[in-house]
Amino acid sequence: MTLADRLYSLGLSPGTPVTLTRNRTVMISWRARSGLRLHAGYAAAPDDVLRAIVQFLTPRVRRVERTAARRIFMTFPVDQHVASRPERARALPSIAPQDQLFVDRLTVMHELLNARHFNGLLADIPIRVSDRMRSRLGELRAARGPSPPIIVISRRHIRRHGWDAVSDTLLHEMVHQWQAEQGHPLDHGREFRRKAREVGIVPRAVADLRG
């Protein structure tokens, strides 16, 4: 019996297109036009896992039940049965000529703040400037597979708020970098707030940059 037939027998609407993938990051996706796409490793899953997939896709299922179903199928080790496709490294965003001075200054600031607040233990990290941020002042884009982490700072933030404010934003993202390098979750939880207070910043990096 094929994986699609097993899913139909467990409640998936008969005739729903089922496409097998080896995507490393998206185990299951659904679109009305193309149907169900799921990792080929689920072909080795027992019925309770496949039943959880069907329940997750069923309309009007209560949120608590959908969450429980997701937990079941996401813990199934698909890679042990079918290897995921190797992820390609993301190319670092290029530096626009008008941003080079900004990037150079931010890189020096990172080095100084690293020495002052983290005993120089944080790794060197690429820094870029973006004009796409509408509310965020900056962000740490975590490492993903072979792609390295990167810190991005809003160009509007630099132009409108000045370098003292930018220094606080960079330090905020460096606390996230510290979280990542220490193996902590990337969030604004208790550990983040503790470290933010330790380095002397508030755990907020959002402002209205529109207009």
N, C-alpha and C. Protein backbone atom coordinates (compact mmCIF):
# COMPACT_ATOMS: atom_id res chain seq x y z
N MET A 1 0.85 -1.19 0.00
CA MET A 1 0.00 0.00 0.00
C MET A 1 0.89 1.24 0.00
N THR A 2 0.60 2.19 -0.90
CA THR A 2 1.40 3.40 -0.97
C THR A 2 1.11 4.30 0.22
N LEU A 3 1.99 5.28 0.45
CA LEU A 3 1.77 6.23 1.52
C LEU A 3 0.47 6.99 1.30
N ALA A 4 0.18 7.38 0.06
CA ALA A 4 -1.07 8.09 -0.22
C ALA A 4 -2.27 7.22 0.15
N ASP A 5 -2.24 5.94 -0.22
CA ASP A 5 -3.36 5.05 0.10
C ASP A 5 -3.53 4.89 1.61
N ARG A 6 -2.42 4.82 2.33
CA ARG A 6 -2.52 4.72 3.80
C ARG A 6 -3.17 5.97 4.38
N LEU A 7 -2.78 7.14 3.84
CA LEU A 7 -3.37 8.39 4.33
C LEU A 7 -4.86 8.45 3.99
N TYR A 8 -5.26 8.00 2.80
CA TYR A 8 -6.68 7.98 2.45
C TYR A 8 -7.46 7.09 3.41
N SER A 9 -6.87 5.92 3.74
CA SER A 9 -7.57 4.99 4.62
C SER A 9 -7.71 5.53 6.03
N LEU A 10 -6.86 6.50 6.39
CA LEU A 10 -6.91 7.09 7.73
C LEU A 10 -7.71 8.38 7.77
N GLY A 11 -8.30 8.76 6.63
CA GLY A 11 -9.21 9.90 6.66
C GLY A 11 -8.87 11.04 5.73
N LEU A 12 -7.72 11.01 5.06
CA LEU A 12 -7.42 12.06 4.09
C LEU A 12 -8.39 11.94 2.92
N SER A 13 -8.87 13.06 2.44
CA SER A 13 -9.85 13.05 1.36
C SER A 13 -9.31 12.29 0.15
N PRO A 14 -10.01 11.24 -0.31
CA PRO A 14 -9.52 10.44 -1.44
C PRO A 14 -9.26 11.30 -2.67
N GLY A 15 -8.20 11.01 -3.36
CA GLY A 15 -7.85 11.76 -4.55
C GLY A 15 -6.99 12.98 -4.28
N THR A 16 -6.77 13.32 -2.99
CA THR A 16 -5.90 14.45 -2.68
C THR A 16 -4.49 14.17 -3.20
N PRO A 17 -3.91 15.07 -4.00
CA PRO A 17 -2.54 14.84 -4.46
C PRO A 17 -1.58 14.74 -3.29
N VAL A 18 -0.71 13.74 -3.30
CA VAL A 18 0.29 13.55 -2.25
C VAL A 18 1.66 13.50 -2.94
N THR A 19 2.50 14.46 -2.62
CA THR A 19 3.82 14.56 -3.21
C THR A 19 4.87 14.36 -2.13
N LEU A 20 5.85 13.49 -2.39
CA LEU A 20 6.90 13.22 -1.43
C LEU A 20 8.11 14.11 -1.73
N THR A 21 8.70 14.66 -0.66
CA THR A 21 9.84 15.55 -0.79
C THR A 21 10.96 15.08 0.14
N ARG A 22 12.08 15.74 0.04
CA ARG A 22 13.18 15.52 0.99
C ARG A 22 13.59 16.87 1.58
N ASN A 23 12.61 17.74 1.78
CA ASN A 23 12.87 19.06 2.34
C ASN A 23 13.33 18.94 3.78
N ARG A 24 14.41 19.63 4.12
CA ARG A 24 14.99 19.52 5.46
C ARG A 24 14.22 20.34 6.49
N THR A 25 13.60 21.43 6.08
CA THR A 25 13.01 22.35 7.04
C THR A 25 11.49 22.31 7.08
N VAL A 26 10.83 21.96 5.97
CA VAL A 26 9.37 21.90 5.94
C VAL A 26 8.96 20.44 5.77
N MET A 27 8.52 19.84 6.87
CA MET A 27 8.16 18.42 6.83
C MET A 27 6.83 18.19 6.10
N ILE A 28 5.88 19.10 6.31
CA ILE A 28 4.54 18.95 5.74
C ILE A 28 4.04 20.31 5.31
N SER A 29 3.44 20.38 4.13
CA SER A 29 2.79 21.61 3.69
C SER A 29 1.54 21.25 2.90
N TRP A 30 0.59 22.16 2.91
CA TRP A 30 -0.68 21.91 2.25
C TRP A 30 -1.11 23.14 1.47
N ARG A 31 -1.51 22.94 0.22
CA ARG A 31 -2.11 23.98 -0.60
C ARG A 31 -3.29 23.37 -1.34
N ALA A 32 -4.36 24.16 -1.42
CA ALA A 32 -5.57 23.63 -2.05
C ALA A 32 -5.31 23.20 -3.49
N ARG A 33 -4.45 23.94 -4.20
CA ARG A 33 -4.23 23.63 -5.61
C ARG A 33 -3.33 22.41 -5.81
N SER A 34 -2.26 22.32 -4.99
CA SER A 34 -1.28 21.25 -5.21
C SER A 34 -1.41 20.09 -4.24
N GLY A 35 -2.25 20.22 -3.22
CA GLY A 35 -2.47 19.13 -2.29
C GLY A 35 -1.43 19.06 -1.19
N LEU A 36 -1.14 17.85 -0.75
CA LEU A 36 -0.27 17.60 0.39
C LEU A 36 1.15 17.29 -0.08
N ARG A 37 2.11 17.97 0.48
CA ARG A 37 3.52 17.67 0.26
C ARG A 37 4.10 17.28 1.63
N LEU A 38 4.78 16.15 1.69
CA LEU A 38 5.36 15.74 2.96
C LEU A 38 6.65 14.95 2.71
N HIS A 39 7.47 14.92 3.75
CA HIS A 39 8.77 14.27 3.66
C HIS A 39 8.60 12.78 3.37
N ALA A 40 9.44 12.27 2.46
CA ALA A 40 9.33 10.87 2.05
C ALA A 40 9.58 9.91 3.21
N GLY A 41 10.26 10.37 4.26
CA GLY A 41 10.51 9.50 5.40
C GLY A 41 9.25 9.07 6.13
N TYR A 42 8.14 9.79 5.93
CA TYR A 42 6.88 9.40 6.57
C TYR A 42 6.31 8.11 5.99
N ALA A 43 6.85 7.63 4.89
CA ALA A 43 6.39 6.34 4.37
C ALA A 43 6.68 5.21 5.34
N ALA A 44 7.67 5.42 6.23
CA ALA A 44 8.02 4.40 7.22
C ALA A 44 7.32 4.62 8.56
N ALA A 45 6.48 5.63 8.64
CA ALA A 45 5.84 5.97 9.91
C ALA A 45 4.69 5.02 10.22
N PRO A 46 4.44 4.74 11.49
CA PRO A 46 3.29 3.91 11.87
C PRO A 46 1.99 4.69 11.69
N ASP A 47 0.88 3.99 11.80
CA ASP A 47 -0.41 4.61 11.54
C ASP A 47 -0.72 5.77 12.47
N ASP A 48 -0.28 5.71 13.74
CA ASP A 48 -0.62 6.80 14.66
C ASP A 48 0.01 8.11 14.21
N VAL A 49 1.19 8.04 13.60
CA VAL A 49 1.84 9.26 13.09
C VAL A 49 1.08 9.78 11.88
N LEU A 50 0.73 8.89 10.96
CA LEU A 50 -0.02 9.31 9.77
C LEU A 50 -1.41 9.82 10.16
N ARG A 51 -2.01 9.21 11.17
CA ARG A 51 -3.32 9.67 11.64
C ARG A 51 -3.20 11.10 12.20
N ALA A 52 -2.08 11.38 12.85
CA ALA A 52 -1.85 12.73 13.38
C ALA A 52 -1.73 13.74 12.24
N ILE A 53 -1.09 13.34 11.13
CA ILE A 53 -0.99 14.23 9.97
C ILE A 53 -2.37 14.55 9.42
N VAL A 54 -3.20 13.52 9.29
CA VAL A 54 -4.56 13.72 8.78
C VAL A 54 -5.34 14.63 9.72
N GLN A 55 -5.22 14.40 11.02
CA GLN A 55 -5.94 15.23 11.98
C GLN A 55 -5.48 16.68 11.91
N PHE A 56 -4.18 16.89 11.74
CA PHE A 56 -3.63 18.23 11.64
C PHE A 56 -4.21 18.97 10.44
N LEU A 57 -4.48 18.25 9.36
CA LEU A 57 -4.98 18.87 8.13
C LEU A 57 -6.49 18.99 8.09
N THR A 58 -7.18 18.37 9.02
CA THR A 58 -8.64 18.38 9.01
C THR A 58 -9.18 19.75 9.42
N PRO A 59 -10.08 20.33 8.64
CA PRO A 59 -10.65 21.65 9.00
C PRO A 59 -11.42 21.59 10.32
N ARG A 60 -11.42 22.73 11.00
CA ARG A 60 -12.21 22.93 12.22
C ARG A 60 -11.80 22.01 13.37
N VAL A 61 -10.58 21.52 13.34
CA VAL A 61 -10.06 20.78 14.50
C VAL A 61 -9.65 21.79 15.56
N ARG A 62 -9.95 21.49 16.81
CA ARG A 62 -9.58 22.40 17.90
C ARG A 62 -8.08 22.61 17.95
N ARG A 63 -7.69 23.81 18.36
CA ARG A 63 -6.27 24.16 18.36
C ARG A 63 -5.46 23.21 19.23
N VAL A 64 -5.97 22.84 20.39
CA VAL A 64 -5.23 21.95 21.28
C VAL A 64 -5.00 20.60 20.62
N GLU A 65 -5.99 20.11 19.86
CA GLU A 65 -5.84 18.84 19.17
C GLU A 65 -4.86 18.96 18.01
N ARG A 66 -4.91 20.09 17.30
CA ARG A 66 -3.98 20.30 16.20
C ARG A 66 -2.55 20.38 16.71
N THR A 67 -2.36 21.06 17.85
CA THR A 67 -1.02 21.16 18.44
C THR A 67 -0.50 19.80 18.86
N ALA A 68 -1.37 18.99 19.46
CA ALA A 68 -0.95 17.65 19.88
C ALA A 68 -0.61 16.79 18.67
N ALA A 69 -1.38 16.92 17.59
CA ALA A 69 -1.10 16.14 16.38
C ALA A 69 0.23 16.56 15.78
N ARG A 70 0.49 17.85 15.74
CA ARG A 70 1.76 18.34 15.19
C ARG A 70 2.94 17.79 15.98
N ARG A 71 2.79 17.75 17.30
CA ARG A 71 3.87 17.25 18.15
C ARG A 71 4.18 15.79 17.81
N ILE A 72 3.15 15.02 17.50
CA ILE A 72 3.35 13.60 17.19
C ILE A 72 4.12 13.43 15.88
N PHE A 73 3.67 14.10 14.81
CA PHE A 73 4.35 13.82 13.53
C PHE A 73 5.69 14.54 13.41
N MET A 74 5.89 15.62 14.16
CA MET A 74 7.17 16.31 14.08
C MET A 74 8.27 15.58 14.85
N THR A 75 7.91 14.72 15.77
CA THR A 75 8.92 13.97 16.52
C THR A 75 9.32 12.67 15.82
N PHE A 76 8.63 12.33 14.73
CA PHE A 76 9.01 11.12 14.00
C PHE A 76 10.31 11.37 13.23
N PRO A 77 11.32 10.51 13.37
CA PRO A 77 12.65 10.75 12.78
C PRO A 77 12.69 10.41 11.29
N VAL A 78 12.16 11.28 10.47
CA VAL A 78 12.09 11.00 9.03
C VAL A 78 13.47 10.78 8.42
N ASP A 79 14.48 11.50 8.90
CA ASP A 79 15.82 11.41 8.32
C ASP A 79 16.45 10.03 8.53
N GLN A 80 15.97 9.30 9.52
CA GLN A 80 16.51 7.95 9.72
C GLN A 80 16.04 6.98 8.63
N HIS A 81 15.03 7.38 7.89
CA HIS A 81 14.46 6.50 6.87
C HIS A 81 14.75 7.00 5.45
N VAL A 82 14.70 8.31 5.25
CA VAL A 82 15.03 8.90 3.96
C VAL A 82 15.82 10.17 4.24
N ALA A 83 17.05 10.23 3.75
CA ALA A 83 17.90 11.39 4.02
C ALA A 83 17.33 12.64 3.37
N SER A 84 17.33 13.73 4.13
CA SER A 84 16.89 15.00 3.57
C SER A 84 17.92 15.54 2.58
N ARG A 85 17.44 16.33 1.66
CA ARG A 85 18.33 16.93 0.68
C ARG A 85 19.26 17.92 1.38
N PRO A 86 20.56 17.87 1.11
CA PRO A 86 21.48 18.82 1.76
C PRO A 86 21.06 20.26 1.48
N GLU A 87 21.13 21.07 2.53
CA GLU A 87 20.73 22.47 2.39
C GLU A 87 21.89 23.30 1.84
N ARG A 88 21.56 24.15 0.89
CA ARG A 88 22.58 25.01 0.31
C ARG A 88 22.82 26.23 1.21
N ALA A 89 24.07 26.64 1.25
CA ALA A 89 24.41 27.82 2.03
C ALA A 89 23.81 29.06 1.37
N ARG A 90 23.21 29.93 2.17
CA ARG A 90 22.69 31.18 1.65
C ARG A 90 23.84 32.14 1.41
N ALA A 91 23.80 32.82 0.29
CA ALA A 91 24.81 33.83 0.01
C ALA A 91 24.58 35.03 0.91
N LEU A 92 25.67 35.58 1.44
CA LEU A 92 25.53 36.78 2.26
C LEU A 92 25.05 37.94 1.40
N PRO A 93 24.14 38.76 1.94
CA PRO A 93 23.71 39.94 1.17
C PRO A 93 24.91 40.82 0.84
N SER A 94 24.93 41.34 -0.37
CA SER A 94 26.02 42.23 -0.75
C SER A 94 25.88 43.56 -0.01
N ILE A 95 26.97 44.30 0.06
CA ILE A 95 26.98 45.59 0.73
C ILE A 95 26.88 46.69 -0.34
N ALA A 96 25.81 47.47 -0.27
CA ALA A 96 25.66 48.58 -1.20
C ALA A 96 26.76 49.61 -0.94
N PRO A 97 27.26 50.25 -1.99
CA PRO A 97 28.35 51.22 -1.79
C PRO A 97 28.04 52.28 -0.75
N GLN A 98 26.78 52.75 -0.71
CA GLN A 98 26.43 53.79 0.25
C GLN A 98 26.37 53.28 1.68
N ASP A 99 26.39 51.94 1.85
CA ASP A 99 26.30 51.36 3.20
C ASP A 99 27.66 50.91 3.74
N GLN A 100 28.70 50.99 2.93
CA GLN A 100 29.98 50.44 3.36
C GLN A 100 30.50 51.12 4.63
N LEU A 101 30.37 52.44 4.71
CA LEU A 101 30.83 53.14 5.91
C LEU A 101 30.01 52.72 7.13
N PHE A 102 28.69 52.52 6.94
CA PHE A 102 27.85 52.04 8.04
C PHE A 102 28.33 50.67 8.52
N VAL A 103 28.55 49.76 7.57
CA VAL A 103 28.96 48.41 7.92
C VAL A 103 30.31 48.42 8.61
N ASP A 104 31.23 49.23 8.11
CA ASP A 104 32.55 49.31 8.74
C ASP A 104 32.43 49.79 10.19
N ARG A 105 31.61 50.82 10.40
CA ARG A 105 31.46 51.35 11.76
C ARG A 105 30.78 50.33 12.67
N LEU A 106 29.75 49.66 12.16
CA LEU A 106 29.07 48.64 12.96
C LEU A 106 30.00 47.49 13.31
N THR A 107 30.88 47.13 12.40
CA THR A 107 31.84 46.04 12.66
C THR A 107 32.80 46.43 13.77
N VAL A 108 33.27 47.66 13.76
CA VAL A 108 34.15 48.13 14.83
C VAL A 108 33.38 48.19 16.15
N MET A 109 32.13 48.66 16.12
CA MET A 109 31.31 48.70 17.33
C MET A 109 31.12 47.30 17.90
N HIS A 110 30.89 46.33 17.04
CA HIS A 110 30.72 44.95 17.51
C HIS A 110 31.97 44.48 18.23
N GLU A 111 33.12 44.77 17.68
CA GLU A 111 34.37 44.36 18.31
C GLU A 111 34.54 45.01 19.68
N LEU A 112 34.23 46.31 19.78
CA LEU A 112 34.38 47.01 21.06
C LEU A 112 33.37 46.52 22.10
N LEU A 113 32.11 46.35 21.67
CA LEU A 113 31.08 45.88 22.60
C LEU A 113 31.34 44.43 23.02
N ASN A 114 31.87 43.64 22.13
CA ASN A 114 32.23 42.27 22.46
C ASN A 114 33.28 42.24 23.56
N ALA A 115 34.29 43.08 23.42
CA ALA A 115 35.36 43.13 24.43
C ALA A 115 34.82 43.66 25.76
N ARG A 116 33.93 44.66 25.69
CA ARG A 116 33.46 45.32 26.91
C ARG A 116 32.46 44.48 27.69
N HIS A 117 31.56 43.80 26.99
CA HIS A 117 30.45 43.13 27.67
C HIS A 117 30.48 41.61 27.63
N PHE A 118 31.29 41.04 26.73
CA PHE A 118 31.31 39.59 26.59
C PHE A 118 32.71 39.01 26.68
N ASN A 119 33.64 39.82 27.20
CA ASN A 119 35.03 39.38 27.35
C ASN A 119 35.64 38.92 26.02
N GLY A 120 35.13 39.47 24.91
CA GLY A 120 35.67 39.13 23.61
C GLY A 120 35.36 37.71 23.16
N LEU A 121 34.39 37.05 23.79
CA LEU A 121 34.14 35.64 23.51
C LEU A 121 33.18 35.40 22.36
N LEU A 122 32.43 36.42 21.94
CA LEU A 122 31.53 36.22 20.81
C LEU A 122 32.33 36.10 19.53
N ALA A 123 31.82 35.29 18.61
CA ALA A 123 32.49 35.11 17.33
C ALA A 123 32.31 36.34 16.45
N ASP A 124 33.26 36.56 15.54
CA ASP A 124 33.05 37.58 14.51
C ASP A 124 31.82 37.18 13.70
N ILE A 125 31.05 38.17 13.29
CA ILE A 125 29.80 37.89 12.59
C ILE A 125 29.59 38.93 11.50
N PRO A 126 29.13 38.54 10.32
CA PRO A 126 28.83 39.54 9.29
C PRO A 126 27.72 40.47 9.74
N ILE A 127 27.83 41.74 9.39
CA ILE A 127 26.82 42.74 9.70
C ILE A 127 26.41 43.42 8.41
N ARG A 128 25.11 43.59 8.23
CA ARG A 128 24.60 44.25 7.05
C ARG A 128 23.58 45.31 7.44
N VAL A 129 23.24 46.18 6.50
CA VAL A 129 22.26 47.24 6.69
C VAL A 129 21.10 46.98 5.73
N SER A 130 19.87 47.19 6.21
CA SER A 130 18.69 46.91 5.40
C SER A 130 17.74 48.10 5.42
N ASP A 131 17.07 48.34 4.28
CA ASP A 131 16.03 49.38 4.24
C ASP A 131 14.64 48.77 4.22
N ARG A 132 14.52 47.47 4.50
CA ARG A 132 13.23 46.79 4.46
C ARG A 132 12.53 46.73 5.80
N MET A 133 13.20 47.09 6.87
CA MET A 133 12.61 46.99 8.20
C MET A 133 11.67 48.17 8.43
N ARG A 134 10.43 47.86 8.81
CA ARG A 134 9.43 48.90 9.06
C ARG A 134 9.21 49.16 10.54
N SER A 135 9.46 48.19 11.37
CA SER A 135 9.29 48.38 12.82
C SER A 135 10.50 47.90 13.60
N ARG A 136 11.17 46.86 13.11
CA ARG A 136 12.34 46.35 13.82
C ARG A 136 13.54 47.25 13.58
N LEU A 137 14.32 47.42 14.63
CA LEU A 137 15.54 48.20 14.52
C LEU A 137 16.70 47.34 14.05
N GLY A 138 16.66 46.07 14.39
CA GLY A 138 17.71 45.15 13.99
C GLY A 138 17.25 43.73 14.22
N GLU A 139 18.03 42.78 13.74
CA GLU A 139 17.70 41.38 13.97
C GLU A 139 18.96 40.53 13.82
N LEU A 140 18.96 39.43 14.57
CA LEU A 140 19.96 38.39 14.36
C LEU A 140 19.30 37.30 13.53
N ARG A 141 19.85 37.03 12.36
CA ARG A 141 19.39 35.91 11.56
C ARG A 141 20.27 34.72 11.92
N ALA A 142 19.68 33.75 12.59
CA ALA A 142 20.45 32.64 13.14
C ALA A 142 21.04 31.78 12.03
N ALA A 143 22.09 31.06 12.38
CA ALA A 143 22.69 30.11 11.44
C ALA A 143 21.64 29.09 11.03
N ARG A 144 21.70 28.70 9.77
CA ARG A 144 20.74 27.72 9.25
C ARG A 144 21.49 26.76 8.35
N GLY A 145 21.69 25.54 8.82
CA GLY A 145 22.47 24.57 8.07
C GLY A 145 23.89 25.10 7.85
N PRO A 146 24.34 25.13 6.60
CA PRO A 146 25.69 25.64 6.33
C PRO A 146 25.77 27.15 6.28
N SER A 147 24.63 27.84 6.38
CA SER A 147 24.63 29.30 6.29
C SER A 147 24.97 29.92 7.64
N PRO A 148 25.89 30.89 7.69
CA PRO A 148 26.31 31.47 8.96
C PRO A 148 25.27 32.45 9.50
N PRO A 149 25.35 32.79 10.77
CA PRO A 149 24.47 33.82 11.31
C PRO A 149 24.89 35.19 10.78
N ILE A 150 23.98 36.15 10.89
CA ILE A 150 24.25 37.49 10.42
C ILE A 150 23.42 38.47 11.25
N ILE A 151 23.98 39.64 11.54
CA ILE A 151 23.24 40.71 12.20
C ILE A 151 22.86 41.74 11.14
N VAL A 152 21.60 42.17 11.16
CA VAL A 152 21.11 43.17 10.22
C VAL A 152 20.57 44.35 11.02
N ILE A 153 20.96 45.57 10.64
CA ILE A 153 20.52 46.79 11.30
C ILE A 153 19.75 47.64 10.30
N SER A 154 18.66 48.26 10.75
CA SER A 154 17.85 49.10 9.89
C SER A 154 18.59 50.37 9.48
N ARG A 155 18.60 50.66 8.17
CA ARG A 155 19.21 51.90 7.69
C ARG A 155 18.44 53.11 8.21
N ARG A 156 17.11 53.03 8.26
CA ARG A 156 16.31 54.14 8.79
C ARG A 156 16.67 54.43 10.24
N HIS A 157 16.90 53.36 10.98
CA HIS A 157 17.28 53.51 12.39
C HIS A 157 18.59 54.31 12.51
N ILE A 158 19.57 53.97 11.70
CA ILE A 158 20.85 54.68 11.75
C ILE A 158 20.67 56.15 11.42
N ARG A 159 19.88 56.44 10.39
CA ARG A 159 19.74 57.83 9.94
C ARG A 159 18.88 58.67 10.87
N ARG A 160 17.90 58.05 11.52
CA ARG A 160 16.94 58.82 12.31
C ARG A 160 17.27 58.91 13.79
N HIS A 161 17.94 57.89 14.33
CA HIS A 161 18.08 57.83 15.78
C HIS A 161 19.51 58.04 16.27
N GLY A 162 20.47 57.98 15.38
CA GLY A 162 21.85 58.26 15.79
C GLY A 162 22.58 57.04 16.32
N TRP A 163 23.89 57.20 16.44
CA TRP A 163 24.75 56.05 16.74
C TRP A 163 24.66 55.57 18.18
N ASP A 164 24.29 56.43 19.11
CA ASP A 164 24.11 55.94 20.49
C ASP A 164 22.97 54.93 20.55
N ALA A 165 21.86 55.26 19.87
CA ALA A 165 20.73 54.34 19.84
C ALA A 165 21.08 53.07 19.06
N VAL A 166 21.82 53.23 17.97
CA VAL A 166 22.24 52.08 17.18
C VAL A 166 23.14 51.16 17.99
N SER A 167 23.98 51.74 18.84
CA SER A 167 24.84 50.92 19.69
C SER A 167 24.02 50.03 20.60
N ASP A 168 22.93 50.57 21.17
CA ASP A 168 22.05 49.76 22.02
C ASP A 168 21.38 48.65 21.21
N THR A 169 20.96 48.97 19.99
CA THR A 169 20.33 47.96 19.15
C THR A 169 21.31 46.86 18.80
N LEU A 170 22.53 47.25 18.44
CA LEU A 170 23.55 46.24 18.12
C LEU A 170 23.82 45.36 19.33
N LEU A 171 23.87 45.97 20.50
CA LEU A 171 24.12 45.20 21.72
C LEU A 171 22.96 44.24 21.98
N HIS A 172 21.74 44.68 21.69
CA HIS A 172 20.57 43.80 21.81
C HIS A 172 20.74 42.55 20.93
N GLU A 173 21.15 42.77 19.68
CA GLU A 173 21.33 41.63 18.78
C GLU A 173 22.52 40.77 19.21
N MET A 174 23.49 41.37 19.84
CA MET A 174 24.63 40.60 20.34
C MET A 174 24.23 39.71 21.51
N VAL A 175 23.24 40.15 22.28
CA VAL A 175 22.71 39.26 23.33
C VAL A 175 22.05 38.04 22.68
N HIS A 176 21.34 38.27 21.57
CA HIS A 176 20.80 37.12 20.84
C HIS A 176 21.93 36.24 20.29
N GLN A 177 23.00 36.87 19.82
CA GLN A 177 24.14 36.09 19.35
C GLN A 177 24.72 35.26 20.48
N TRP A 178 24.81 35.85 21.66
CA TRP A 178 25.27 35.13 22.85
C TRP A 178 24.36 33.95 23.14
N GLN A 179 23.02 34.17 23.05
CA GLN A 179 22.08 33.07 23.26
C GLN A 179 22.38 31.92 22.29
N ALA A 180 22.53 32.25 21.01
CA ALA A 180 22.76 31.22 20.00
C ALA A 180 24.05 30.46 20.28
N GLU A 181 25.11 31.18 20.63
CA GLU A 181 26.40 30.53 20.82
C GLU A 181 26.45 29.73 22.12
N GLN A 182 25.56 30.07 23.07
CA GLN A 182 25.49 29.31 24.33
C GLN A 182 24.47 28.18 24.26
N GLY A 183 23.76 28.07 23.15
CA GLY A 183 22.77 27.01 23.02
C GLY A 183 21.44 27.32 23.66
N HIS A 184 21.17 28.61 23.97
CA HIS A 184 19.88 28.99 24.53
C HIS A 184 18.88 29.27 23.41
N PRO A 185 17.59 29.19 23.69
CA PRO A 185 16.59 29.57 22.68
C PRO A 185 16.73 31.05 22.32
N LEU A 186 16.45 31.38 21.07
CA LEU A 186 16.49 32.77 20.65
C LEU A 186 15.13 33.39 20.93
N ASP A 187 15.01 34.02 22.10
CA ASP A 187 13.75 34.62 22.50
C ASP A 187 14.05 35.81 23.40
N HIS A 188 12.99 36.38 23.95
CA HIS A 188 13.13 37.48 24.91
C HIS A 188 12.69 37.03 26.30
N GLY A 189 12.97 35.79 26.60
CA GLY A 189 12.57 35.21 27.88
C GLY A 189 13.48 35.61 29.02
N ARG A 190 13.40 34.84 30.10
CA ARG A 190 14.08 35.19 31.34
C ARG A 190 15.59 35.30 31.15
N GLU A 191 16.18 34.35 30.41
CA GLU A 191 17.63 34.36 30.23
C GLU A 191 18.07 35.57 29.41
N PHE A 192 17.27 35.93 28.40
CA PHE A 192 17.58 37.13 27.62
C PHE A 192 17.50 38.37 28.49
N ARG A 193 16.43 38.48 29.27
CA ARG A 193 16.26 39.68 30.10
C ARG A 193 17.37 39.81 31.12
N ARG A 194 17.79 38.68 31.67
CA ARG A 194 18.89 38.72 32.63
C ARG A 194 20.16 39.24 31.99
N LYS A 195 20.48 38.71 30.81
CA LYS A 195 21.70 39.13 30.12
C LYS A 195 21.58 40.57 29.65
N ALA A 196 20.40 40.98 29.20
CA ALA A 196 20.21 42.36 28.77
C ALA A 196 20.46 43.33 29.92
N ARG A 197 19.93 43.01 31.10
CA ARG A 197 20.19 43.87 32.26
C ARG A 197 21.68 43.89 32.60
N GLU A 198 22.32 42.76 32.43
CA GLU A 198 23.75 42.67 32.75
C GLU A 198 24.57 43.60 31.86
N VAL A 199 24.21 43.70 30.58
CA VAL A 199 24.98 44.56 29.68
C VAL A 199 24.42 45.97 29.60
N GLY A 200 23.28 46.21 30.28
CA GLY A 200 22.80 47.58 30.40
C GLY A 200 21.84 48.03 29.32
N ILE A 201 21.02 47.13 28.76
CA ILE A 201 20.04 47.53 27.76
C ILE A 201 18.67 47.02 28.14
N VAL A 202 17.63 47.57 27.48
CA VAL A 202 16.28 47.06 27.66
C VAL A 202 16.01 46.05 26.56
N PRO A 203 15.18 45.04 26.81
CA PRO A 203 14.97 43.95 25.84
C PRO A 203 13.97 44.29 24.75
N ARG A 204 14.00 45.51 24.23
CA ARG A 204 13.06 45.90 23.18
C ARG A 204 13.85 46.51 22.03
N ALA A 205 13.57 46.03 20.82
CA ALA A 205 14.25 46.58 19.65
C ALA A 205 13.25 46.82 18.54
N VAL A 206 12.15 47.50 18.91
CA VAL A 206 11.09 47.78 17.96
C VAL A 206 10.74 49.25 18.07
N ALA A 207 10.54 49.92 16.94
CA ALA A 207 10.14 51.31 16.93
C ALA A 207 9.39 51.57 15.63
N ASP A 208 8.67 52.70 15.59
CA ASP A 208 7.97 53.06 14.36
C ASP A 208 8.95 53.77 13.43
N LEU A 209 9.34 53.08 12.35
CA LEU A 209 10.30 53.65 11.41
C LEU A 209 9.61 54.12 10.13
N ARG A 210 8.28 54.13 10.14
CA ARG A 210 7.55 54.54 8.94
C ARG A 210 7.44 56.04 8.88
N GLY A 211 7.08 56.54 7.69
CA GLY A 211 6.87 57.96 7.54
C GLY A 211 8.16 58.70 7.21
